[in-house]
PDB file of N, CA and C in Angstrom:
ATOM      1  N   MET A   1     106.135 167.519  92.465  1.00  0.00           N
ATOM      2  CA  MET A   1     106.522 166.124  92.352  1.00  0.00           C
ATOM      3  C   MET A   1     107.533 165.988  91.221  1.00  0.00           C
ATOM      4  N   LEU A   2     108.382 165.015  91.337  1.00  0.00           N
ATOM      5  CA  LEU A   2     109.398 164.771  90.313  1.00  0.00           C
ATOM      6  C   LEU A   2     108.807 163.942  89.175  1.00  0.00           C
ATOM      7  N   ILE A   3     109.524 163.888  88.069  1.00  0.00           N
ATOM      8  CA  ILE A   3     109.028 163.231  86.862  1.00  0.00           C
ATOM      9  C   ILE A   3     108.734 161.743  87.092  1.00  0.00           C
ATOM     10  N   GLY A   4     109.561 161.069  87.884  1.00  0.00           N
ATOM     11  CA  GLY A   4     109.333 159.649  88.154  1.00  0.00           C
ATOM     12  C   GLY A   4     108.016 159.414  88.884  1.00  0.00           C
ATOM     13  N   GLU A   5     107.715 160.279  89.854  1.00  0.00           N
ATOM     14  CA  GLU A   5     106.464 160.148  90.595  1.00  0.00           C
ATOM     15  C   GLU A   5     105.273 160.438  89.676  1.00  0.00           C
ATOM     16  N   LEU A   6     105.402 161.456  88.828  1.00  0.00           N
ATOM     17  CA  LEU A   6     104.318 161.763  87.889  1.00  0.00           C
ATOM     18  C   LEU A   6     104.093 160.586  86.941  1.00  0.00           C
ATOM     19  N   ALA A   7     105.170 159.973  86.490  1.00  0.00           N
ATOM     20  CA  ALA A   7     105.051 158.811  85.606  1.00  0.00           C
ATOM     21  C   ALA A   7     104.330 157.668  86.322  1.00  0.00           C
ATOM     22  N   ARG A   8     104.686 157.420  87.572  1.00  0.00           N
ATOM     23  CA  ARG A   8     104.033 156.345  88.343  1.00  0.00           C
ATOM     24  C   ARG A   8     102.552 156.645  88.560  1.00  0.00           C
ATOM     25  N   ARG A   9     102.232 157.889  88.876  1.00  0.00           N
ATOM     26  CA  ARG A   9     100.839 158.255  89.177  1.00  0.00           C
ATOM     27  C   ARG A   9      99.946 158.255  87.937  1.00  0.00           C
ATOM     28  N   THR A  10     100.537 158.478  86.768  1.00  0.00           N
ATOM     29  CA  THR A  10      99.725 158.582  85.553  1.00  0.00           C
ATOM     30  C   THR A  10      99.833 157.363  84.652  1.00  0.00           C
ATOM     31  N   GLY A  11     100.856 156.535  84.852  1.00  0.00           N
ATOM     32  CA  GLY A  11     101.076 155.402  83.958  1.00  0.00           C
ATOM     33  C   GLY A  11     101.669 155.820  82.621  1.00  0.00           C
ATOM     34  N   VAL A  12     102.170 157.050  82.536  1.00  0.00           N
ATOM     35  CA  VAL A  12     102.781 157.583  81.323  1.00  0.00           C
ATOM     36  C   VAL A  12     104.293 157.569  81.517  1.00  0.00           C
ATOM     37  N   SER A  13     105.030 157.116  80.521  1.00  0.00           N
ATOM     38  CA  SER A  13     106.484 157.014  80.656  1.00  0.00           C
ATOM     39  C   SER A  13     107.138 158.385  80.822  1.00  0.00           C
ATOM     40  N   THR A  14     108.300 158.383  81.450  1.00  0.00           N
ATOM     41  CA  THR A  14     109.037 159.649  81.603  1.00  0.00           C
ATOM     42  C   THR A  14     109.416 160.205  80.235  1.00  0.00           C
ATOM     43  N   ARG A  15     109.698 159.332  79.295  1.00  0.00           N
ATOM     44  CA  ARG A  15     110.032 159.790  77.944  1.00  0.00           C
ATOM     45  C   ARG A  15     108.861 160.553  77.324  1.00  0.00           C
ATOM     46  N   LEU A  16     107.649 160.025  77.499  1.00  0.00           N
ATOM     47  CA  LEU A  16     106.467 160.688  76.954  1.00  0.00           C
ATOM     48  C   LEU A  16     106.192 162.002  77.691  1.00  0.00           C
ATOM     49  N   LEU A  17     106.427 162.028  79.002  1.00  0.00           N
ATOM     50  CA  LEU A  17     106.254 163.276  79.755  1.00  0.00           C
ATOM     51  C   LEU A  17     107.234 164.340  79.256  1.00  0.00           C
ATOM     52  N   ARG A  18     108.453 163.930  78.934  1.00  0.00           N
ATOM     53  CA  ARG A  18     109.434 164.884  78.375  1.00  0.00           C
ATOM     54  C   ARG A  18     108.980 165.373  76.996  1.00  0.00           C
ATOM     55  N   TYR A  19     108.364 164.479  76.219  1.00  0.00           N
ATOM     56  CA  TYR A  19     107.835 164.875  74.919  1.00  0.00           C
ATOM     57  C   TYR A  19     106.718 165.907  75.105  1.00  0.00           C
ATOM     58  N   TYR A  20     105.833 165.672  76.076  1.00  0.00           N
ATOM     59  CA  TYR A  20     104.772 166.653  76.349  1.00  0.00           C
ATOM     60  C   TYR A  20     105.380 168.004  76.710  1.00  0.00           C
ATOM     61  N   GLU A  21     106.463 167.976  77.463  1.00  0.00           N
ATOM     62  CA  GLU A  21     107.144 169.226  77.808  1.00  0.00           C
ATOM     63  C   GLU A  21     107.731 169.878  76.552  1.00  0.00           C
ATOM     64  N   GLU A  22     108.370 169.083  75.711  1.00  0.00           N
ATOM     65  CA  GLU A  22     108.955 169.591  74.463  1.00  0.00           C
ATOM     66  C   GLU A  22     107.888 170.227  73.580  1.00  0.00           C
ATOM     67  N   GLN A  23     106.686 169.649  73.576  1.00  0.00           N
ATOM     68  CA  GLN A  23     105.584 170.163  72.773  1.00  0.00           C
ATOM     69  C   GLN A  23     104.837 171.306  73.476  1.00  0.00           C
ATOM     70  N   GLU A  24     105.292 171.674  74.651  1.00  0.00           N
ATOM     71  CA  GLU A  24     104.704 172.746  75.464  1.00  0.00           C
ATOM     72  C   GLU A  24     103.274 172.430  75.892  1.00  0.00           C
ATOM     73  N   LEU A  25     103.015 171.148  76.130  1.00  0.00           N
ATOM     74  CA  LEU A  25     101.712 170.721  76.628  1.00  0.00           C
ATOM     75  C   LEU A  25     101.702 170.657  78.148  1.00  0.00           C
ATOM     76  N   LEU A  26     102.856 170.421  78.719  1.00  0.00           N
ATOM     77  CA  LEU A  26     103.043 170.273  80.154  1.00  0.00           C
ATOM     78  C   LEU A  26     104.273 171.100  80.519  1.00  0.00           C
ATOM     79  N   VAL A  27     104.130 171.982  81.496  1.00  0.00           N
ATOM     80  CA  VAL A  27     105.228 172.896  81.816  1.00  0.00           C
ATOM     81  C   VAL A  27     105.639 172.715  83.278  1.00  0.00           C
ATOM     82  N   PRO A  28     106.757 172.006  83.509  1.00  0.00           N
ATOM     83  CA  PRO A  28     107.249 171.868  84.882  1.00  0.00           C
ATOM     84  C   PRO A  28     108.099 173.076  85.282  1.00  0.00           C
ATOM     85  N   HIS A  29     108.293 173.207  86.558  1.00  0.00           N
ATOM     86  CA  HIS A  29     109.253 174.188  87.061  1.00  0.00           C
ATOM     87  C   HIS A  29     110.580 173.461  87.198  1.00  0.00           C
ATOM     88  N   ARG A  30     111.677 174.191  87.168  1.00  0.00           N
ATOM     89  CA  ARG A  30     112.994 173.575  87.321  1.00  0.00           C
ATOM     90  C   ARG A  30     113.587 173.972  88.669  1.00  0.00           C
ATOM     91  N   ASP A  31     114.074 172.963  89.411  1.00  0.00           N
ATOM     92  CA  ASP A  31     114.808 173.231  90.650  1.00  0.00           C
ATOM     93  C   ASP A  31     116.168 173.808  90.304  1.00  0.00           C
ATOM     94  N   ALA A  32     116.872 174.288  91.306  1.00  0.00           N
ATOM     95  CA  ALA A  32     118.211 174.844  91.102  1.00  0.00           C
ATOM     96  C   ALA A  32     119.150 173.798  90.494  1.00  0.00           C
ATOM     97  N   ASN A  33     118.911 172.530  90.806  1.00  0.00           N
ATOM     98  CA  ASN A  33     119.755 171.460  90.265  1.00  0.00           C
ATOM     99  C   ASN A  33     119.293 171.003  88.875  1.00  0.00           C
ATOM    100  N   GLY A  34     118.239 171.630  88.340  1.00  0.00           N
ATOM    101  CA  GLY A  34     117.762 171.301  87.005  1.00  0.00           C
ATOM    102  C   GLY A  34     116.678 170.245  86.954  1.00  0.00           C
ATOM    103  N   TYR A  35     116.334 169.663  88.104  1.00  0.00           N
ATOM    104  CA  TYR A  35     115.286 168.644  88.124  1.00  0.00           C
ATOM    105  C   TYR A  35     113.939 169.273  87.797  1.00  0.00           C
ATOM    106  N   ARG A  36     113.120 168.510  87.067  1.00  0.00           N
ATOM    107  CA  ARG A  36     111.764 168.960  86.776  1.00  0.00           C
ATOM    108  C   ARG A  36     110.912 168.772  88.031  1.00  0.00           C
ATOM    109  N   ARG A  37     110.139 169.779  88.343  1.00  0.00           N
ATOM    110  CA  ARG A  37     109.216 169.691  89.474  1.00  0.00           C
ATOM    111  C   ARG A  37     107.833 170.044  88.944  1.00  0.00           C
ATOM    112  N   TYR A  38     106.907 169.082  89.065  1.00  0.00           N
ATOM    113  CA  TYR A  38     105.556 169.245  88.532  1.00  0.00           C
ATOM    114  C   TYR A  38     104.587 169.658  89.629  1.00  0.00           C
ATOM    115  N   ALA A  39     103.593 170.438  89.258  1.00  0.00           N
ATOM    116  CA  ALA A  39     102.565 170.888  90.196  1.00  0.00           C
ATOM    117  C   ALA A  39     101.699 169.713  90.634  1.00  0.00           C
ATOM    118  N   GLU A  40     100.981 169.901  91.707  1.00  0.00           N
ATOM    119  CA  GLU A  40     100.129 168.832  92.234  1.00  0.00           C
ATOM    120  C   GLU A  40      99.011 168.441  91.261  1.00  0.00           C
ATOM    121  N   ASP A  41      98.606 169.381  90.401  1.00  0.00           N
ATOM    122  CA  ASP A  41      97.544 169.053  89.446  1.00  0.00           C
ATOM    123  C   ASP A  41      98.079 168.461  88.146  1.00  0.00           C
ATOM    124  N   ALA A  42      99.379 168.202  88.069  1.00  0.00           N
ATOM    125  CA  ALA A  42      99.976 167.647  86.848  1.00  0.00           C
ATOM    126  C   ALA A  42      99.355 166.312  86.433  1.00  0.00           C
ATOM    127  N   PRO A  43      99.020 165.400  87.359  1.00  0.00           N
ATOM    128  CA  PRO A  43      98.366 164.162  86.913  1.00  0.00           C
ATOM    129  C   PRO A  43      97.046 164.433  86.181  1.00  0.00           C
ATOM    130  N   ASP A  44      96.293 165.423  86.640  1.00  0.00           N
ATOM    131  CA  ASP A  44      95.052 165.786  85.959  1.00  0.00           C
ATOM    132  C   ASP A  44      95.346 166.364  84.577  1.00  0.00           C
ATOM    133  N   GLN A  45      96.396 167.190  84.481  1.00  0.00           N
ATOM    134  CA  GLN A  45      96.780 167.757  83.185  1.00  0.00           C
ATOM    135  C   GLN A  45      97.191 166.660  82.214  1.00  0.00           C
ATOM    136  N   VAL A  46      97.972 165.698  82.696  1.00  0.00           N
ATOM    137  CA  VAL A  46      98.396 164.586  81.840  1.00  0.00           C
ATOM    138  C   VAL A  46      97.171 163.789  81.379  1.00  0.00           C
ATOM    139  N   GLY A  47      96.226 163.554  82.282  1.00  0.00           N
ATOM    140  CA  GLY A  47      95.002 162.854  81.914  1.00  0.00           C
ATOM    141  C   GLY A  47      94.238 163.602  80.833  1.00  0.00           C
ATOM    142  N   GLN A  48      94.171 164.924  80.943  1.00  0.00           N
ATOM    143  CA  GLN A  48      93.471 165.718  79.935  1.00  0.00           C
ATOM    144  C   GLN A  48      94.212 165.671  78.602  1.00  0.00           C
ATOM    145  N   ILE A  49      95.531 165.740  78.641  1.00  0.00           N
ATOM    146  CA  ILE A  49      96.335 165.629  77.412  1.00  0.00           C
ATOM    147  C   ILE A  49      96.054 164.298  76.736  1.00  0.00           C
ATOM    148  N   ARG A  50      96.031 163.217  77.516  1.00  0.00           N
ATOM    149  CA  ARG A  50      95.765 161.882  76.967  1.00  0.00           C
ATOM    150  C   ARG A  50      94.370 161.821  76.326  1.00  0.00           C
ATOM    151  N   ARG A  51      93.370 162.409  76.988  1.00  0.00           N
ATOM    152  CA  ARG A  51      92.009 162.404  76.438  1.00  0.00           C
ATOM    153  C   ARG A  51      91.947 163.205  75.140  1.00  0.00           C
ATOM    154  N   PHE A  52      92.630 164.351  75.113  1.00  0.00           N
ATOM    155  CA  PHE A  52      92.664 165.141  73.881  1.00  0.00           C
ATOM    156  C   PHE A  52      93.315 164.340  72.748  1.00  0.00           C
ATOM    157  N   LEU A  53      94.431 163.677  73.034  1.00  0.00           N
ATOM    158  CA  LEU A  53      95.113 162.880  72.016  1.00  0.00           C
ATOM    159  C   LEU A  53      94.215 161.744  71.528  1.00  0.00           C
ATOM    160  N   GLU A  54      93.556 161.068  72.457  1.00  0.00           N
ATOM    161  CA  GLU A  54      92.654 159.974  72.087  1.00  0.00           C
ATOM    162  C   GLU A  54      91.472 160.482  71.273  1.00  0.00           C
ATOM    163  N   SER A  55      91.123 161.751  71.450  1.00  0.00           N
ATOM    164  CA  SER A  55      90.025 162.363  70.694  1.00  0.00           C
ATOM    165  C   SER A  55      90.442 162.760  69.286  1.00  0.00           C
ATOM    166  N   GLY A  56      91.735 162.641  69.000  1.00  0.00           N
ATOM    167  CA  GLY A  56      92.208 162.961  67.663  1.00  0.00           C
ATOM    168  C   GLY A  56      92.763 164.363  67.499  1.00  0.00           C
ATOM    169  N   LEU A  57      92.914 165.106  68.601  1.00  0.00           N
ATOM    170  CA  LEU A  57      93.490 166.439  68.485  1.00  0.00           C
ATOM    171  C   LEU A  57      94.994 166.347  68.290  1.00  0.00           C
ATOM    172  N   THR A  58      95.553 167.320  67.606  1.00  0.00           N
ATOM    173  CA  THR A  58      97.000 167.374  67.385  1.00  0.00           C
ATOM    174  C   THR A  58      97.674 168.050  68.576  1.00  0.00           C
ATOM    175  N   SER A  59      98.990 167.905  68.657  1.00  0.00           N
ATOM    176  CA  SER A  59      99.747 168.579  69.720  1.00  0.00           C
ATOM    177  C   SER A  59      99.548 170.086  69.657  1.00  0.00           C
ATOM    178  N   ARG A  60      99.504 170.637  68.453  1.00  0.00           N
ATOM    179  CA  ARG A  60      99.305 172.083  68.303  1.00  0.00           C
ATOM    180  C   ARG A  60      97.948 172.497  68.872  1.00  0.00           C
ATOM    181  N   GLU A  61      96.910 171.725  68.546  1.00  0.00           N
ATOM    182  CA  GLU A  61      95.570 172.043  69.050  1.00  0.00           C
ATOM    183  C   GLU A  61      95.513 171.912  70.570  1.00  0.00           C
ATOM    184  N   ILE A  62      96.152 170.882  71.092  1.00  0.00           N
ATOM    185  CA  ILE A  62      96.165 170.686  72.543  1.00  0.00           C
ATOM    186  C   ILE A  62      96.905 171.835  73.220  1.00  0.00           C
ATOM    187  N   ARG A  63      98.027 172.246  72.649  1.00  0.00           N
ATOM    188  CA  ARG A  63      98.796 173.367  73.207  1.00  0.00           C
ATOM    189  C   ARG A  63      97.912 174.623  73.282  1.00  0.00           C
ATOM    190  N   GLU A  64      97.090 174.831  72.268  1.00  0.00           N
ATOM    191  CA  GLU A  64      96.191 175.982  72.268  1.00  0.00           C
ATOM    192  C   GLU A  64      95.091 175.851  73.322  1.00  0.00           C
ATOM    193  N   LEU A  65      94.698 174.626  73.636  1.00  0.00           N
ATOM    194  CA  LEU A  65      93.624 174.401  74.601  1.00  0.00           C
ATOM    195  C   LEU A  65      94.088 174.376  76.051  1.00  0.00           C
ATOM    196  N   MET A  66      95.330 174.022  76.303  1.00  0.00           N
ATOM    197  CA  MET A  66      95.788 173.821  77.682  1.00  0.00           C
ATOM    198  C   MET A  66      95.542 175.031  78.589  1.00  0.00           C
ATOM    199  N   PRO A  67      95.694 176.271  78.113  1.00  0.00           N
ATOM    200  CA  PRO A  67      95.361 177.392  79.001  1.00  0.00           C
ATOM    201  C   PRO A  67      93.874 177.441  79.378  1.00  0.00           C
ATOM    202  N   CYS A  68      93.031 176.776  78.624  1.00  0.00           N
ATOM    203  CA  CYS A  68      91.585 176.762  78.877  1.00  0.00           C
ATOM    204  C   CYS A  68      91.169 175.608  79.786  1.00  0.00           C
ATOM    205  N   VAL A  69      92.100 174.716  80.125  1.00  0.00           N
ATOM    206  CA  VAL A  69      91.776 173.543  80.935  1.00  0.00           C
ATOM    207  C   VAL A  69      91.618 173.956  82.391  1.00  0.00           C
ATOM    208  N   CYS A  70      90.535 173.471  83.007  1.00  0.00           N
ATOM    209  CA  CYS A  70      90.298 173.687  84.431  1.00  0.00           C
ATOM    210  C   CYS A  70      89.935 172.343  85.059  1.00  0.00           C
ATOM    211  N   ALA A  71      89.675 172.337  86.329  1.00  0.00           N
ATOM    212  CA  ALA A  71      89.403 171.085  87.047  1.00  0.00           C
ATOM    213  C   ALA A  71      88.222 170.322  86.455  1.00  0.00           C
ATOM    214  N   LYS A  72      87.247 171.025  85.888  1.00  0.00           N
ATOM    215  CA  LYS A  72      86.057 170.364  85.347  1.00  0.00           C
ATOM    216  C   LYS A  72      86.177 170.042  83.867  1.00  0.00           C
ATOM    217  N   GLY A  73      87.305 170.335  83.254  1.00  0.00           N
ATOM    218  CA  GLY A  73      87.479 170.067  81.823  1.00  0.00           C
ATOM    219  C   GLY A  73      88.014 171.281  81.107  1.00  0.00           C
ATOM    220  N   VAL A  74      87.272 171.738  80.109  1.00  0.00           N
ATOM    221  CA  VAL A  74      87.699 172.881  79.301  1.00  0.00           C
ATOM    222  C   VAL A  74      86.722 174.035  79.504  1.00  0.00           C
ATOM    223  N   ARG A  75      87.266 175.212  79.826  1.00  0.00           N
ATOM    224  CA  ARG A  75      86.426 176.418  79.880  1.00  0.00           C
ATOM    225  C   ARG A  75      86.044 176.758  78.456  1.00  0.00           C
ATOM    226  N   HIS A  76      84.782 176.878  78.207  1.00  0.00           N
ATOM    227  CA  HIS A  76      84.321 177.153  76.848  1.00  0.00           C
ATOM    228  C   HIS A  76      84.264 178.650  76.605  1.00  0.00           C
ATOM    229  N   CYS A  77      85.135 179.076  75.720  1.00  0.00           N
ATOM    230  CA  CYS A  77      85.174 180.457  75.271  1.00  0.00           C
ATOM    231  C   CYS A  77      85.235 180.391  73.740  1.00  0.00           C
ATOM    232  N   ASP A  78      85.260 181.529  73.103  1.00  0.00           N
ATOM    233  CA  ASP A  78      85.310 181.534  71.638  1.00  0.00           C
ATOM    234  C   ASP A  78      86.529 180.783  71.120  1.00  0.00           C
ATOM    235  N   HIS A  79      87.670 180.952  71.800  1.00  0.00           N
ATOM    236  CA  HIS A  79      88.908 180.305  71.341  1.00  0.00           C
ATOM    237  C   HIS A  79      88.825 178.786  71.478  1.00  0.00           C
ATOM    238  N   SER A  80      88.460 178.302  72.671  1.00  0.00           N
ATOM    239  CA  SER A  80      88.407 176.839  72.857  1.00  0.00           C
ATOM    240  C   SER A  80      87.350 176.224  71.952  1.00  0.00           C
ATOM    241  N   LYS A  81      86.221 176.900  71.773  1.00  0.00           N
ATOM    242  CA  LYS A  81      85.183 176.386  70.877  1.00  0.00           C
ATOM    243  C   LYS A  81      85.699 176.297  69.449  1.00  0.00           C
ATOM    244  N   ALA A  82      86.443 177.303  69.006  1.00  0.00           N
ATOM    245  CA  ALA A  82      86.995 177.292  67.643  1.00  0.00           C
ATOM    246  C   ALA A  82      87.986 176.144  67.464  1.00  0.00           C
ATOM    247  N   VAL A  83      88.858 175.919  68.448  1.00  0.00           N
ATOM    248  CA  VAL A  83      89.849 174.834  68.355  1.00  0.00           C
ATOM    249  C   VAL A  83      89.135 173.484  68.309  1.00  0.00           C
ATOM    250  N   LEU A  84      88.160 173.281  69.183  1.00  0.00           N
ATOM    251  CA  LEU A  84      87.428 172.015  69.211  1.00  0.00           C
ATOM    252  C   LEU A  84      86.613 171.816  67.936  1.00  0.00           C
ATOM    253  N   ASP A  85      85.973 172.881  67.457  1.00  0.00           N
ATOM    254  CA  ASP A  85      85.205 172.782  66.204  1.00  0.00           C
ATOM    255  C   ASP A  85      86.118 172.437  65.030  1.00  0.00           C
ATOM    256  N   ASP A  86      87.313 173.041  64.985  1.00  0.00           N
ATOM    257  CA  ASP A  86      88.272 172.720  63.918  1.00  0.00           C
ATOM    258  C   ASP A  86      88.665 171.243  63.982  1.00  0.00           C
ATOM    259  N   GLY A  87      88.876 170.737  65.198  1.00  0.00           N
ATOM    260  CA  GLY A  87      89.206 169.324  65.357  1.00  0.00           C
ATOM    261  C   GLY A  87      88.084 168.424  64.872  1.00  0.00           C
ATOM    262  N   LEU A  88      86.854 168.778  65.198  1.00  0.00           N
ATOM    263  CA  LEU A  88      85.704 167.995  64.721  1.00  0.00           C
ATOM    264  C   LEU A  88      85.582 168.044  63.204  1.00  0.00           C
ATOM    265  N   ASP A  89      85.788 169.218  62.630  1.00  0.00           N
ATOM    266  CA  ASP A  89      85.725 169.351  61.171  1.00  0.00           C
ATOM    267  C   ASP A  89      86.776 168.476  60.498  1.00  0.00           C
ATOM    268  N   ARG A  90      87.988 168.472  61.052  1.00  0.00           N
ATOM    269  CA  ARG A  90      89.070 167.657  60.476  1.00  0.00           C
ATOM    270  C   ARG A  90      88.707 166.176  60.560  1.00  0.00           C
ATOM    271  N   LEU A  91      88.181 165.748  61.700  1.00  0.00           N
ATOM    272  CA  LEU A  91      87.777 164.344  61.853  1.00  0.00           C
ATOM    273  C   LEU A  91      86.643 163.990  60.887  1.00  0.00           C
ATOM    274  N   ASP A  92      85.690 164.903  60.707  1.00  0.00           N
ATOM    275  CA  ASP A  92      84.595 164.647  59.756  1.00  0.00           C
ATOM    276  C   ASP A  92      85.138 164.466  58.341  1.00  0.00           C
ATOM    277  N   ARG A  93      86.122 165.279  57.958  1.00  0.00           N
ATOM    278  CA  ARG A  93      86.729 165.135  56.623  1.00  0.00           C
ATOM    279  C   ARG A  93      87.456 163.792  56.511  1.00  0.00           C
ATOM    280  N   GLN A  94      88.156 163.389  57.561  1.00  0.00           N
ATOM    281  CA  GLN A  94      88.865 162.106  57.538  1.00  0.00           C
ATOM    282  C   GLN A  94      87.879 160.947  57.452  1.00  0.00           C
ATOM    283  N   ILE A  95      86.771 161.048  58.177  1.00  0.00           N
ATOM    284  CA  ILE A  95      85.746 159.997  58.133  1.00  0.00           C
ATOM    285  C   ILE A  95      85.161 159.896  56.733  1.00  0.00           C
ATOM    286  N   ALA A  96      84.863 161.029  56.121  1.00  0.00           N
ATOM    287  CA  ALA A  96      84.311 161.029  54.759  1.00  0.00           C
ATOM    288  C   ALA A  96      85.307 160.431  53.775  1.00  0.00           C
ATOM    289  N   ASP A  97      86.578 160.775  53.937  1.00  0.00           N
ATOM    290  CA  ASP A  97      87.612 160.237  53.059  1.00  0.00           C
ATOM    291  C   ASP A  97      87.730 158.721  53.229  1.00  0.00           C
ATOM    292  N   LEU A  98      87.717 158.248  54.462  1.00  0.00           N
ATOM    293  CA  LEU A  98      87.782 156.801  54.707  1.00  0.00           C
ATOM    294  C   LEU A  98      86.555 156.083  54.165  1.00  0.00           C
ATOM    295  N   ALA A  99      85.377 156.694  54.305  1.00  0.00           N
ATOM    296  CA  ALA A  99      84.153 156.079  53.775  1.00  0.00           C
ATOM    297  C   ALA A  99      84.237 155.960  52.258  1.00  0.00           C
ATOM    298  N   SER A 100      84.773 156.982  51.611  1.00  0.00           N
ATOM    299  CA  SER A 100      84.936 156.945  50.160  1.00  0.00           C
ATOM    300  C   SER A 100      85.906 155.837  49.755  1.00  0.00           C
ATOM    301  N   LYS A 101      87.006 155.720  50.469  1.00  0.00           N
ATOM    302  CA  LYS A 101      87.983 154.663  50.175  1.00  0.00           C
ATOM    303  C   LYS A 101      87.374 153.284  50.419  1.00  0.00           C
ATOM    304  N   ARG A 102      86.573 153.169  51.476  1.00  0.00           N
ATOM    305  CA  ARG A 102      85.935 151.892  51.762  1.00  0.00           C
ATOM    306  C   ARG A 102      84.976 151.510  50.640  1.00  0.00           C
ATOM    307  N   ASP A 103      84.211 152.482  50.156  1.00  0.00           N
ATOM    308  CA  ASP A 103      83.282 152.209  49.056  1.00  0.00           C
ATOM    309  C   ASP A 103      84.033 151.729  47.816  1.00  0.00           C
ATOM    310  N   LEU A 104      85.162 152.366  47.513  1.00  0.00           N
ATOM    311  CA  LEU A 104      85.959 151.951  46.355  1.00  0.00           C
ATOM    312  C   LEU A 104      86.483 150.531  46.521  1.00  0.00           C
ATOM    313  N   LEU A 105      86.960 150.230  47.718  1.00  0.00           N
ATOM    314  CA  LEU A 105      87.477 148.885  47.972  1.00  0.00           C
ATOM    315  C   LEU A 105      86.352 147.853  47.926  1.00  0.00           C
ATOM    316  N   ALA A 106      85.196 148.191  48.488  1.00  0.00           N
ATOM    317  CA  ALA A 106      84.054 147.267  48.449  1.00  0.00           C
ATOM    318  C   ALA A 106      83.628 147.010  47.014  1.00  0.00           C
ATOM    319  N   GLU A 107      83.705 148.023  46.187  1.00  0.00           N
ATOM    320  CA  GLU A 107      83.381 147.857  44.767  1.00  0.00           C
ATOM    321  C   GLU A 107      84.345 146.858  44.130  1.00  0.00           C
ATOM    322  N   GLN A 108      85.613 146.950  44.482  1.00  0.00           N
ATOM    323  CA  GLN A 108      86.595 146.009  43.942  1.00  0.00           C
ATOM    324  C   GLN A 108      86.334 144.595  44.436  1.00  0.00           C
ATOM    325  N   VAL A 109      85.950 144.456  45.679  1.00  0.00           N
ATOM    326  CA  VAL A 109      85.630 143.136  46.232  1.00  0.00           C
ATOM    327  C   VAL A 109      84.460 142.543  45.460  1.00  0.00           C
ATOM    328  N   GLY A 110      83.457 143.345  45.183  1.00  0.00           N
ATOM    329  CA  GLY A 110      82.304 142.863  44.417  1.00  0.00           C
ATOM    330  C   GLY A 110      82.700 142.396  43.034  1.00  0.00           C
ATOM    331  N   ARG A 111      83.632 143.094  42.405  1.00  0.00           N
ATOM    332  CA  ARG A 111      84.090 142.698  41.069  1.00  0.00           C
ATOM    333  C   ARG A 111      84.871 141.393  41.117  1.00  0.00           C
ATOM    334  N   VAL A 112      85.655 141.230  42.155  1.00  0.00           N
ATOM    335  CA  VAL A 112      86.459 140.006  42.275  1.00  0.00           C
ATOM    336  C   VAL A 112      85.545 138.813  42.497  1.00  0.00           C
ATOM    337  N   GLU A 113      84.533 138.966  43.331  1.00  0.00           N
ATOM    338  CA  GLU A 113      83.633 137.850  43.631  1.00  0.00           C
ATOM    339  C   GLU A 113      82.822 137.435  42.408  1.00  0.00           C
ATOM    340  N   ARG A 114      82.512 138.359  41.530  1.00  0.00           N
ATOM    341  CA  ARG A 114      81.700 138.048  40.358  1.00  0.00           C
ATOM    342  C   ARG A 114      82.536 137.537  39.184  1.00  0.00           C
ATOM    343  N   SER A 115      83.806 137.811  39.183  1.00  0.00           N
ATOM    344  CA  SER A 115      84.662 137.404  38.070  1.00  0.00           C
ATOM    345  C   SER A 115      85.080 135.949  38.240  1.00  0.00           C
ATOM    346  N   PRO A 116      85.117 135.213  37.149  1.00  0.00           N
ATOM    347  CA  PRO A 116      85.635 133.840  37.244  1.00  0.00           C
ATOM    348  C   PRO A 116      87.125 133.884  37.521  1.00  0.00           C
ATOM    349  N   PHE A 117      87.599 132.902  38.248  1.00  0.00           N
ATOM    350  CA  PHE A 117      89.022 132.856  38.590  1.00  0.00           C
ATOM    351  C   PHE A 117      89.829 132.481  37.366  1.00  0.00           C
ATOM    352  N   ARG A 118      90.837 133.275  37.087  1.00  0.00           N
ATOM    353  CA  ARG A 118      91.756 132.996  35.974  1.00  0.00           C
ATOM    354  C   ARG A 118      93.170 133.092  36.502  1.00  0.00           C
ATOM    355  N   PRO A 119      93.826 131.958  36.673  1.00  0.00           N
ATOM    356  CA  PRO A 119      95.202 132.014  37.185  1.00  0.00           C
ATOM    357  C   PRO A 119      96.109 132.676  36.164  1.00  0.00           C
ATOM    358  N   GLY A 120      97.153 133.289  36.638  1.00  0.00           N
ATOM    359  CA  GLY A 120      98.102 133.935  35.757  1.00  0.00           C
ATOM    360  C   GLY A 120      98.532 135.265  36.308  1.00  0.00           C
ATOM    361  N   PRO A 121      99.353 135.957  35.538  1.00  0.00           N
ATOM    362  CA  PRO A 121      99.837 137.263  36.029  1.00  0.00           C
ATOM    363  C   PRO A 121      98.702 138.278  36.113  1.00  0.00           C
ATOM    364  N   PRO A 122      98.863 139.240  37.003  1.00  0.00           N
ATOM    365  CA  PRO A 122      97.796 140.252  37.171  1.00  0.00           C
ATOM    366  C   PRO A 122      97.656 141.164  35.975  1.00  0.00           C
TER     367      PRO A 122
END
């Protein structure tokens, strides 16, 4: 299928599909005239790429996982497990960092609410 048809079937813009190709997440074949020709399972691949992105994986991590993608999802091997575990670890660190920042901000809110209002420069 051509890029326009893939875009229509997936709801993903042609520009974004070209970006996926640039990032080596989606690999079309090229016709003699240079047109991109996508495999019949390309809509499923695009859907999996979108789910990986929504899960917080980076393009690099997704590129590493794409060879492990099958019709039922991801074939679990040592490599795919390591990539997914690394993604979870990174998200856990980000969550902890955000929780720490939230606690600091909440502490400031508590100080503001308890302090009497004094107009003037900060």
